[in-house]
Amino acid sequence: GCWRALGGGACFVAHAAVTGSLHPGRGKGLLALVAFAVVGVSIFYTALPTAIDEGGVGLAFVLLYTAPAFVVVGAALFLGEPIRRRTVVLVGVTIVGVALVVLPGGGSEGGAAAVLWGLVSGLTYASYYVAVKSLGRRLRPETIYAWALPIGGLLLVPFVDWAPKGGREWLLLLGLCTVSTYLPYLSYAVGLQGMEAARASVVATVEPVLALALGVAVYDEELRPLAVLGSALVIGAAALSARRSAAPASPGPAAGTPPHQRWR
């Protein structure tokens, strides 16, 4: 996690330097970046690898995508996004899909520690949608990550006792920093500029399904019928949410609209 944060952060520092957007400003914005670095990088980059160690790739990444439930609440509290019935239903379907994989018989071999670390990773991952959406109102994506990733990585340095050895490990680390960090994080941030955070988090739940498939193909993890059904629910919810997001955005509620009519 430390190496990934520092390497991915270096890519964003270079990007921000080229675009002349390295300076984040002062005041609350800088404090928000530091808070995001602690929660979204230091804690998240600790929780997810630990969840993988405790329960395997498939379980860890499905639990990671409890994030939409956290995002719905966070987006309402911090971004003022309405809690739409459709989004709540799709999040519910996603969580059912998660449960089918976590429940005995769904493919999960991890214990309580695996589930706990997986849920922590989901909670801290949710901060990406809320924090980046909020900070993105005044900062460019490369500026946000040029600060958050290096700060979060540096906080992990005291706990690191491993360094890449040999060309293969350096190439794997390079791929982790660029293909798995710089490019997707940049895509996330750009995508959030045109989509509500809660809806974007549901669309992104296609990732755990791919992770399950990779876990089976690469690490010989067992994929059981309930896990297949859960994956289908996750994909369906993501597809429906993406379809909804492609429609023209409706205007916000007029002043004086009763609260029960704003929840739509």
C-alpha atoms as a PDB file:
ATOM      1  CA  GLY A   1       0.000   0.000   0.000  1.00  0.00           C
ATOM      2  CA  CYS A   2       2.775   2.428   0.859  1.00  0.00           C
ATOM      3  CA  TRP A   3       4.654   1.802  -2.369  1.00  0.00           C
ATOM      4  CA  ARG A   4       1.465   2.059  -4.400  1.00  0.00           C
ATOM      5  CA  ALA A   5       0.486   5.371  -2.810  1.00  0.00           C
ATOM      6  CA  LEU A   6       3.941   6.904  -3.279  1.00  0.00           C
ATOM      7  CA  GLY A   7       4.331   5.638  -6.839  1.00  0.00           C
ATOM      8  CA  GLY A   8       0.819   6.586  -7.910  1.00  0.00           C
ATOM      9  CA  GLY A   9       1.241   9.925  -6.153  1.00  0.00           C
ATOM     10  CA  ALA A  10       4.426  10.573  -8.115  1.00  0.00           C
ATOM     11  CA  CYS A  11       2.462  10.127 -11.353  1.00  0.00           C
ATOM     12  CA  PHE A  12      -0.089  12.701 -10.210  1.00  0.00           C
ATOM     13  CA  VAL A  13       2.610  15.115  -9.029  1.00  0.00           C
ATOM     14  CA  ALA A  14       4.145  14.980 -12.503  1.00  0.00           C
ATOM     15  CA  HIS A  15       0.703  15.450 -14.074  1.00  0.00           C
ATOM     16  CA  ALA A  16      -0.120  18.424 -11.831  1.00  0.00           C
ATOM     17  CA  ALA A  17       3.292  19.995 -12.474  1.00  0.00           C
ATOM     18  CA  VAL A  18       2.763  19.787 -16.232  1.00  0.00           C
ATOM     19  CA  THR A  19      -0.712  21.336 -16.012  1.00  0.00           C
ATOM     20  CA  GLY A  20       0.398  23.996 -13.518  1.00  0.00           C
ATOM     21  CA  SER A  21      -2.113  22.860 -10.917  1.00  0.00           C
ATOM     22  CA  LEU A  22       0.112  21.532  -8.156  1.00  0.00           C
ATOM     23  CA  HIS A  23      -0.740  24.207  -5.557  1.00  0.00           C
ATOM     24  CA  PRO A  24      -3.930  23.289  -3.605  1.00  0.00           C
ATOM     25  CA  GLY A  25      -4.452  26.604  -1.886  1.00  0.00           C
ATOM     26  CA  ARG A  26      -4.751  27.099   1.851  1.00  0.00           C
ATOM     27  CA  GLY A  27      -7.257  26.838   4.654  1.00  0.00           C
ATOM     28  CA  LYS A  28     -10.012  24.245   4.871  1.00  0.00           C
ATOM     29  CA  GLY A  29      -9.216  22.817   1.453  1.00  0.00           C
ATOM     30  CA  LEU A  30      -5.749  21.736   2.565  1.00  0.00           C
ATOM     31  CA  LEU A  31      -7.115  20.250   5.793  1.00  0.00           C
ATOM     32  CA  ALA A  32      -9.687  18.310   3.774  1.00  0.00           C
ATOM     33  CA  LEU A  33      -6.897  16.919   1.587  1.00  0.00           C
ATOM     34  CA  VAL A  34      -4.969  15.740   4.656  1.00  0.00           C
ATOM     35  CA  ALA A  35      -8.097  14.114   6.127  1.00  0.00           C
ATOM     36  CA  PHE A  36      -8.753  12.360   2.819  1.00  0.00           C
ATOM     37  CA  ALA A  37      -5.124  11.188   2.737  1.00  0.00           C
ATOM     38  CA  VAL A  38      -5.461   9.604   6.187  1.00  0.00           C
ATOM     39  CA  VAL A  39      -8.845   7.930   5.607  1.00  0.00           C
ATOM     40  CA  GLY A  40      -8.803   7.251   1.872  1.00  0.00           C
ATOM     41  CA  VAL A  41      -5.139   6.314   1.505  1.00  0.00           C
ATOM     42  CA  SER A  42      -3.435   5.322   4.770  1.00  0.00           C
ATOM     43  CA  ILE A  43      -6.352   3.395   6.297  1.00  0.00           C
ATOM     44  CA  PHE A  44      -7.794   2.139   3.010  1.00  0.00           C
ATOM     45  CA  TYR A  45      -4.441   0.912   1.704  1.00  0.00           C
ATOM     46  CA  THR A  46      -4.013  -0.986   4.979  1.00  0.00           C
ATOM     47  CA  ALA A  47      -7.530  -2.422   5.192  1.00  0.00           C
ATOM     48  CA  LEU A  48      -7.856  -3.789   1.653  1.00  0.00           C
ATOM     49  CA  PRO A  49      -4.593  -5.823   1.520  1.00  0.00           C
ATOM     50  CA  THR A  50      -5.328  -7.152   5.017  1.00  0.00           C
ATOM     51  CA  ALA A  51      -8.821  -8.202   3.930  1.00  0.00           C
ATOM     52  CA  ILE A  52      -7.288 -10.017   0.946  1.00  0.00           C
ATOM     53  CA  ASP A  53      -4.800 -11.793   3.227  1.00  0.00           C
ATOM     54  CA  GLU A  54      -7.545 -12.829   5.653  1.00  0.00           C
ATOM     55  CA  GLY A  55     -10.267 -13.912   3.239  1.00  0.00           C
ATOM     56  CA  GLY A  56      -9.068 -13.983  -0.351  1.00  0.00           C
ATOM     57  CA  VAL A  57      -9.418 -11.690  -3.359  1.00  0.00           C
ATOM     58  CA  GLY A  58     -13.083 -12.388  -4.092  1.00  0.00           C
ATOM     59  CA  LEU A  59     -14.439 -11.783  -0.582  1.00  0.00           C
ATOM     60  CA  ALA A  60     -12.275  -8.706  -0.045  1.00  0.00           C
ATOM     61  CA  PHE A  61     -13.409  -6.982  -3.234  1.00  0.00           C
ATOM     62  CA  VAL A  62     -17.069  -7.787  -2.767  1.00  0.00           C
ATOM     63  CA  LEU A  63     -16.980  -6.358   0.761  1.00  0.00           C
ATOM     64  CA  LEU A  64     -15.131  -3.372  -0.653  1.00  0.00           C
ATOM     65  CA  TYR A  65     -18.271  -2.639  -2.622  1.00  0.00           C
ATOM     66  CA  THR A  66     -20.437  -2.141   0.381  1.00  0.00           C
ATOM     67  CA  ALA A  67     -19.136   1.361  -0.391  1.00  0.00           C
ATOM     68  CA  PRO A  68     -22.322   2.466  -2.269  1.00  0.00           C
ATOM     69  CA  ALA A  69     -24.339   2.204   0.946  1.00  0.00           C
ATOM     70  CA  PHE A  70     -21.853   4.431   2.752  1.00  0.00           C
ATOM     71  CA  VAL A  71     -21.730   6.812  -0.205  1.00  0.00           C
ATOM     72  CA  VAL A  72     -25.511   7.329  -0.261  1.00  0.00           C
ATOM     73  CA  VAL A  73     -25.401   8.514   3.352  1.00  0.00           C
ATOM     74  CA  GLY A  74     -22.199  10.518   2.967  1.00  0.00           C
ATOM     75  CA  ALA A  75     -23.347  12.234  -0.225  1.00  0.00           C
ATOM     76  CA  ALA A  76     -26.587  13.291   1.451  1.00  0.00           C
ATOM     77  CA  LEU A  77     -24.807  14.607   4.548  1.00  0.00           C
ATOM     78  CA  PHE A  78     -21.811  16.323   2.959  1.00  0.00           C
ATOM     79  CA  LEU A  79     -22.777  17.035  -0.658  1.00  0.00           C
ATOM     80  CA  GLY A  80     -26.470  17.730  -0.347  1.00  0.00           C
ATOM     81  CA  GLU A  81     -27.374  15.059  -2.910  1.00  0.00           C
ATOM     82  CA  PRO A  82     -30.993  13.868  -2.673  1.00  0.00           C
ATOM     83  CA  ILE A  83     -31.618  10.336  -1.483  1.00  0.00           C
ATOM     84  CA  ARG A  84     -33.444   8.916  -4.485  1.00  0.00           C
ATOM     85  CA  ARG A  85     -35.652   5.874  -4.102  1.00  0.00           C
ATOM     86  CA  ARG A  86     -34.174   4.312  -7.233  1.00  0.00           C
ATOM     87  CA  THR A  87     -30.621   4.696  -5.909  1.00  0.00           C
ATOM     88  CA  VAL A  88     -31.598   3.217  -2.539  1.00  0.00           C
ATOM     89  CA  VAL A  89     -33.178   0.207  -4.279  1.00  0.00           C
ATOM     90  CA  LEU A  90     -30.108  -0.333  -6.461  1.00  0.00           C
ATOM     91  CA  VAL A  91     -27.822  -0.058  -3.436  1.00  0.00           C
ATOM     92  CA  GLY A  92     -30.037  -2.585  -1.671  1.00  0.00           C
ATOM     93  CA  VAL A  93     -29.736  -4.986  -4.597  1.00  0.00           C
ATOM     94  CA  THR A  94     -25.963  -4.498  -4.525  1.00  0.00           C
ATOM     95  CA  ILE A  95     -25.807  -5.291  -0.796  1.00  0.00           C
ATOM     96  CA  VAL A  96     -27.911  -8.440  -1.335  1.00  0.00           C
ATOM     97  CA  GLY A  97     -25.400  -9.474  -3.983  1.00  0.00           C
ATOM     98  CA  VAL A  98     -22.613  -8.854  -1.490  1.00  0.00           C
ATOM     99  CA  ALA A  99     -24.402 -10.925   1.154  1.00  0.00           C
ATOM    100  CA  LEU A 100     -24.823 -13.884  -1.208  1.00  0.00           C
ATOM    101  CA  VAL A 101     -21.057 -14.026  -1.590  1.00  0.00           C
ATOM    102  CA  VAL A 102     -20.289 -13.492   2.103  1.00  0.00           C
ATOM    103  CA  LEU A 103     -22.809 -15.970   3.491  1.00  0.00           C
ATOM    104  CA  PRO A 104     -21.689 -19.583   4.021  1.00  0.00           C
ATOM    105  CA  GLY A 105     -22.019 -21.391   0.728  1.00  0.00           C
ATOM    106  CA  GLY A 106     -21.317 -18.261  -1.286  1.00  0.00           C
ATOM    107  CA  GLY A 107     -17.602 -18.824  -1.612  1.00  0.00           C
ATOM    108  CA  SER A 108     -16.342 -17.019   1.473  1.00  0.00           C
ATOM    109  CA  GLU A 109     -13.692 -18.853   3.440  1.00  0.00           C
ATOM    110  CA  GLY A 110     -12.650 -15.920   5.625  1.00  0.00           C
ATOM    111  CA  GLY A 111     -13.567 -15.417   9.276  1.00  0.00           C
ATOM    112  CA  ALA A 112     -14.672 -12.392  11.266  1.00  0.00           C
ATOM    113  CA  ALA A 113     -11.368 -10.595  10.690  1.00  0.00           C
ATOM    114  CA  ALA A 114     -11.758 -10.858   6.911  1.00  0.00           C
ATOM    115  CA  VAL A 115     -15.292  -9.455   7.056  1.00  0.00           C
ATOM    116  CA  LEU A 116     -14.285  -6.655   9.445  1.00  0.00           C
ATOM    117  CA  TRP A 117     -11.319  -5.521   7.355  1.00  0.00           C
ATOM    118  CA  GLY A 118     -13.439  -5.810   4.218  1.00  0.00           C
ATOM    119  CA  LEU A 119     -16.102  -3.528   5.680  1.00  0.00           C
ATOM    120  CA  VAL A 120     -13.443  -1.051   6.807  1.00  0.00           C
ATOM    121  CA  SER A 121     -12.100  -0.996   3.262  1.00  0.00           C
ATOM    122  CA  GLY A 122     -15.638  -0.348   1.979  1.00  0.00           C
ATOM    123  CA  LEU A 123     -16.167   2.526   4.399  1.00  0.00           C
ATOM    124  CA  THR A 124     -12.834   4.167   3.665  1.00  0.00           C
ATOM    125  CA  TYR A 125     -13.215   3.597  -0.079  1.00  0.00           C
ATOM    126  CA  ALA A 126     -16.512   5.475   0.077  1.00  0.00           C
ATOM    127  CA  SER A 127     -14.496   8.539   1.046  1.00  0.00           C
ATOM    128  CA  TYR A 128     -13.134   8.665  -2.519  1.00  0.00           C
ATOM    129  CA  TYR A 129     -16.541   9.448  -3.967  1.00  0.00           C
ATOM    130  CA  VAL A 130     -17.548  11.970  -1.311  1.00  0.00           C
ATOM    131  CA  ALA A 131     -14.179  13.687  -0.862  1.00  0.00           C
ATOM    132  CA  VAL A 132     -13.221  13.825  -4.537  1.00  0.00           C
ATOM    133  CA  LYS A 133     -16.686  15.055  -5.502  1.00  0.00           C
ATOM    134  CA  SER A 134     -16.492  17.790  -2.854  1.00  0.00           C
ATOM    135  CA  LEU A 135     -12.864  18.797  -3.443  1.00  0.00           C
ATOM    136  CA  GLY A 136     -13.376  18.594  -7.203  1.00  0.00           C
ATOM    137  CA  ARG A 137     -15.603  21.648  -7.047  1.00  0.00           C
ATOM    138  CA  ARG A 138     -12.490  23.821  -6.796  1.00  0.00           C
ATOM    139  CA  LEU A 139      -9.488  21.543  -7.417  1.00  0.00           C
ATOM    140  CA  ARG A 140      -8.433  19.580 -10.483  1.00  0.00           C
ATOM    141  CA  PRO A 141      -8.285  15.764 -10.102  1.00  0.00           C
ATOM    142  CA  GLU A 142      -4.505  15.682 -10.446  1.00  0.00           C
ATOM    143  CA  THR A 143      -4.173  18.281  -7.676  1.00  0.00           C
ATOM    144  CA  ILE A 144      -6.248  16.225  -5.253  1.00  0.00           C
ATOM    145  CA  TYR A 145      -4.285  13.030  -5.785  1.00  0.00           C
ATOM    146  CA  ALA A 146      -0.898  14.759  -6.062  1.00  0.00           C
ATOM    147  CA  TRP A 147      -1.318  15.647  -2.395  1.00  0.00           C
ATOM    148  CA  ALA A 148      -3.512  12.891  -0.937  1.00  0.00           C
ATOM    149  CA  LEU A 149      -1.549   9.889  -2.233  1.00  0.00           C
ATOM    150  CA  PRO A 150       1.964  11.004  -1.175  1.00  0.00           C
ATOM    151  CA  ILE A 151       0.755  12.171   2.257  1.00  0.00           C
ATOM    152  CA  GLY A 152      -1.119   8.929   2.835  1.00  0.00           C
ATOM    153  CA  GLY A 153       1.862   6.908   1.629  1.00  0.00           C
ATOM    154  CA  LEU A 154       4.332   8.732   3.852  1.00  0.00           C
ATOM    155  CA  LEU A 155       2.191   7.968   6.906  1.00  0.00           C
ATOM    156  CA  LEU A 156       2.625   4.259   6.108  1.00  0.00           C
ATOM    157  CA  VAL A 157       6.429   4.396   5.746  1.00  0.00           C
ATOM    158  CA  PRO A 158       7.150   3.519   9.429  1.00  0.00           C
ATOM    159  CA  PHE A 159       5.299   0.216   8.965  1.00  0.00           C
ATOM    160  CA  VAL A 160       7.021  -0.866   5.739  1.00  0.00           C
ATOM    161  CA  ASP A 161       9.579  -3.680   5.825  1.00  0.00           C
ATOM    162  CA  TRP A 162       9.550  -4.682   2.158  1.00  0.00           C
ATOM    163  CA  ALA A 163      11.132  -3.266  -0.977  1.00  0.00           C
ATOM    164  CA  PRO A 164      10.961  -4.517  -4.576  1.00  0.00           C
ATOM    165  CA  LYS A 165      13.807  -6.832  -5.558  1.00  0.00           C
ATOM    166  CA  GLY A 166      14.559  -7.697  -9.130  1.00  0.00           C
ATOM    167  CA  GLY A 167      13.110  -6.539 -12.426  1.00  0.00           C
ATOM    168  CA  ARG A 168       9.869  -8.535 -12.180  1.00  0.00           C
ATOM    169  CA  GLU A 169       8.836  -6.978  -8.867  1.00  0.00           C
ATOM    170  CA  TRP A 170       9.687  -3.480 -10.089  1.00  0.00           C
ATOM    171  CA  LEU A 171       7.570  -4.061 -13.213  1.00  0.00           C
ATOM    172  CA  LEU A 172       4.651  -5.324 -11.137  1.00  0.00           C
ATOM    173  CA  LEU A 173       4.926  -2.291  -8.865  1.00  0.00           C
ATOM    174  CA  LEU A 174       5.113   0.022 -11.880  1.00  0.00           C
ATOM    175  CA  GLY A 175       1.917  -1.526 -13.236  1.00  0.00           C
ATOM    176  CA  LEU A 176       0.240  -1.189  -9.827  1.00  0.00           C
ATOM    177  CA  CYS A 177       1.140   2.501  -9.658  1.00  0.00           C
ATOM    178  CA  THR A 178       0.153   3.415 -13.212  1.00  0.00           C
ATOM    179  CA  VAL A 179      -2.438   0.978 -14.599  1.00  0.00           C
ATOM    180  CA  SER A 180      -4.112   0.215 -11.253  1.00  0.00           C
ATOM    181  CA  THR A 181      -3.787   3.618  -9.549  1.00  0.00           C
ATOM    182  CA  TYR A 182      -3.033   6.623 -11.747  1.00  0.00           C
ATOM    183  CA  LEU A 183      -5.313   5.808 -14.700  1.00  0.00           C
ATOM    184  CA  PRO A 184      -8.392   4.549 -12.791  1.00  0.00           C
ATOM    185  CA  TYR A 185      -8.198   7.264 -10.128  1.00  0.00           C
ATOM    186  CA  LEU A 186      -8.030   9.908 -12.812  1.00  0.00           C
ATOM    187  CA  SER A 187     -10.996   8.285 -14.564  1.00  0.00           C
ATOM    188  CA  TYR A 188     -12.973   8.177 -11.308  1.00  0.00           C
ATOM    189  CA  ALA A 189     -12.394  11.853 -10.649  1.00  0.00           C
ATOM    190  CA  VAL A 190     -13.295  12.929 -14.185  1.00  0.00           C
ATOM    191  CA  GLY A 191     -16.397  10.714 -14.187  1.00  0.00           C
ATOM    192  CA  LEU A 192     -17.602  12.133 -10.878  1.00  0.00           C
ATOM    193  CA  GLN A 193     -17.707  15.596 -12.431  1.00  0.00           C
ATOM    194  CA  GLY A 194     -20.714  14.544 -14.511  1.00  0.00           C
ATOM    195  CA  MET A 195     -22.467  12.092 -12.175  1.00  0.00           C
ATOM    196  CA  GLU A 196     -23.844  12.018  -8.650  1.00  0.00           C
ATOM    197  CA  ALA A 197     -21.477  10.339  -6.194  1.00  0.00           C
ATOM    198  CA  ALA A 198     -24.054   7.767  -5.043  1.00  0.00           C
ATOM    199  CA  ARG A 199     -24.886   6.717  -8.599  1.00  0.00           C
ATOM    200  CA  ALA A 200     -21.233   6.546  -9.636  1.00  0.00           C
ATOM    201  CA  SER A 201     -20.476   4.242  -6.708  1.00  0.00           C
ATOM    202  CA  VAL A 202     -23.143   1.783  -7.887  1.00  0.00           C
ATOM    203  CA  VAL A 203     -21.851   1.824 -11.468  1.00  0.00           C
ATOM    204  CA  ALA A 204     -18.354   1.003 -10.210  1.00  0.00           C
ATOM    205  CA  THR A 205     -19.537  -2.208  -8.525  1.00  0.00           C
ATOM    206  CA  VAL A 206     -18.647  -4.121 -11.691  1.00  0.00           C
ATOM    207  CA  GLU A 207     -15.124  -4.263 -10.242  1.00  0.00           C
ATOM    208  CA  PRO A 208     -15.764  -6.945  -7.581  1.00  0.00           C
ATOM    209  CA  VAL A 209     -17.316  -9.204 -10.204  1.00  0.00           C
ATOM    210  CA  LEU A 210     -14.131  -8.952 -12.246  1.00  0.00           C
ATOM    211  CA  ALA A 211     -12.135  -9.525  -9.067  1.00  0.00           C
ATOM    212  CA  LEU A 212     -14.100 -12.704  -8.384  1.00  0.00           C
ATOM    213  CA  ALA A 213     -13.399 -13.922 -11.903  1.00  0.00           C
ATOM    214  CA  LEU A 214      -9.690 -13.149 -11.554  1.00  0.00           C
ATOM    215  CA  GLY A 215      -9.605 -14.864  -8.166  1.00  0.00           C
ATOM    216  CA  VAL A 216     -10.939 -18.028  -9.798  1.00  0.00           C
ATOM    217  CA  ALA A 217      -8.762 -17.809 -12.914  1.00  0.00           C
ATOM    218  CA  VAL A 218      -5.472 -16.752 -11.326  1.00  0.00           C
ATOM    219  CA  TYR A 219      -5.591 -17.984  -7.717  1.00  0.00           C
ATOM    220  CA  ASP A 220      -7.862 -21.039  -8.079  1.00  0.00           C
ATOM    221  CA  GLU A 221     -10.400 -19.632  -5.623  1.00  0.00           C
ATOM    222  CA  GLU A 222     -13.698 -21.512  -5.611  1.00  0.00           C
ATOM    223  CA  LEU A 223     -16.720 -19.830  -7.211  1.00  0.00           C
ATOM    224  CA  ARG A 224     -20.023 -21.249  -5.957  1.00  0.00           C
ATOM    225  CA  PRO A 225     -23.586 -20.822  -7.313  1.00  0.00           C
ATOM    226  CA  LEU A 226     -24.579 -18.207  -4.709  1.00  0.00           C
ATOM    227  CA  ALA A 227     -21.534 -16.144  -5.632  1.00  0.00           C
ATOM    228  CA  VAL A 228     -22.597 -16.285  -9.291  1.00  0.00           C
ATOM    229  CA  LEU A 229     -26.109 -15.115  -8.364  1.00  0.00           C
ATOM    230  CA  GLY A 230     -24.684 -12.344  -6.181  1.00  0.00           C
ATOM    231  CA  SER A 231     -22.407 -11.228  -8.991  1.00  0.00           C
ATOM    232  CA  ALA A 232     -25.375 -11.103 -11.369  1.00  0.00           C
ATOM    233  CA  LEU A 233     -27.260  -8.836  -8.954  1.00  0.00           C
ATOM    234  CA  VAL A 234     -24.257  -6.529  -8.659  1.00  0.00           C
ATOM    235  CA  ILE A 235     -23.855  -6.296 -12.442  1.00  0.00           C
ATOM    236  CA  GLY A 236     -27.586  -5.711 -12.907  1.00  0.00           C
ATOM    237  CA  ALA A 237     -27.674  -2.895 -10.344  1.00  0.00           C
ATOM    238  CA  ALA A 238     -24.631  -1.264 -11.924  1.00  0.00           C
ATOM    239  CA  ALA A 239     -26.126  -1.506 -15.406  1.00  0.00           C
ATOM    240  CA  LEU A 240     -29.449   0.003 -14.333  1.00  0.00           C
ATOM    241  CA  SER A 241     -27.690   2.812 -12.494  1.00  0.00           C
ATOM    242  CA  ALA A 242     -25.507   3.579 -15.504  1.00  0.00           C
ATOM    243  CA  ARG A 243     -28.563   3.624 -17.747  1.00  0.00           C
ATOM    244  CA  ARG A 244     -30.304   6.052 -15.401  1.00  0.00           C
ATOM    245  CA  SER A 245     -27.246   8.301 -15.267  1.00  0.00           C
ATOM    246  CA  ALA A 246     -27.241   8.643 -19.037  1.00  0.00           C
ATOM    247  CA  ALA A 247     -30.655  10.360 -18.914  1.00  0.00           C
ATOM    248  CA  PRO A 248     -30.829  14.163 -18.733  1.00  0.00           C
ATOM    249  CA  ALA A 249     -30.547  15.404 -15.184  1.00  0.00           C
ATOM    250  CA  SER A 250     -33.825  16.647 -13.737  1.00  0.00           C
ATOM    251  CA  PRO A 251     -33.922  20.085 -12.155  1.00  0.00           C
ATOM    252  CA  GLY A 252     -33.598  20.259  -8.395  1.00  0.00           C
ATOM    253  CA  PRO A 253     -36.656  20.743  -6.167  1.00  0.00           C
ATOM    254  CA  ALA A 254     -38.155  24.184  -6.198  1.00  0.00           C
ATOM    255  CA  ALA A 255     -38.047  26.300  -3.089  1.00  0.00           C
ATOM    256  CA  GLY A 256     -40.834  25.332  -0.734  1.00  0.00           C
ATOM    257  CA  THR A 257     -41.186  21.797  -2.090  1.00  0.00           C
ATOM    258  CA  PRO A 258     -42.381  19.526   0.737  1.00  0.00           C
ATOM    259  CA  PRO A 259     -39.619  17.214   2.069  1.00  0.00           C
ATOM    260  CA  HIS A 260     -41.534  14.049   1.106  1.00  0.00           C
ATOM    261  CA  GLN A 261     -41.561  15.213  -2.534  1.00  0.00           C
ATOM    262  CA  ARG A 262     -37.809  15.919  -2.528  1.00  0.00           C
ATOM    263  CA  TRP A 263     -37.064  12.274  -1.744  1.00  0.00           C
ATOM    264  CA  ARG A 264     -37.542  10.987  -5.275  1.00  0.00           C
END
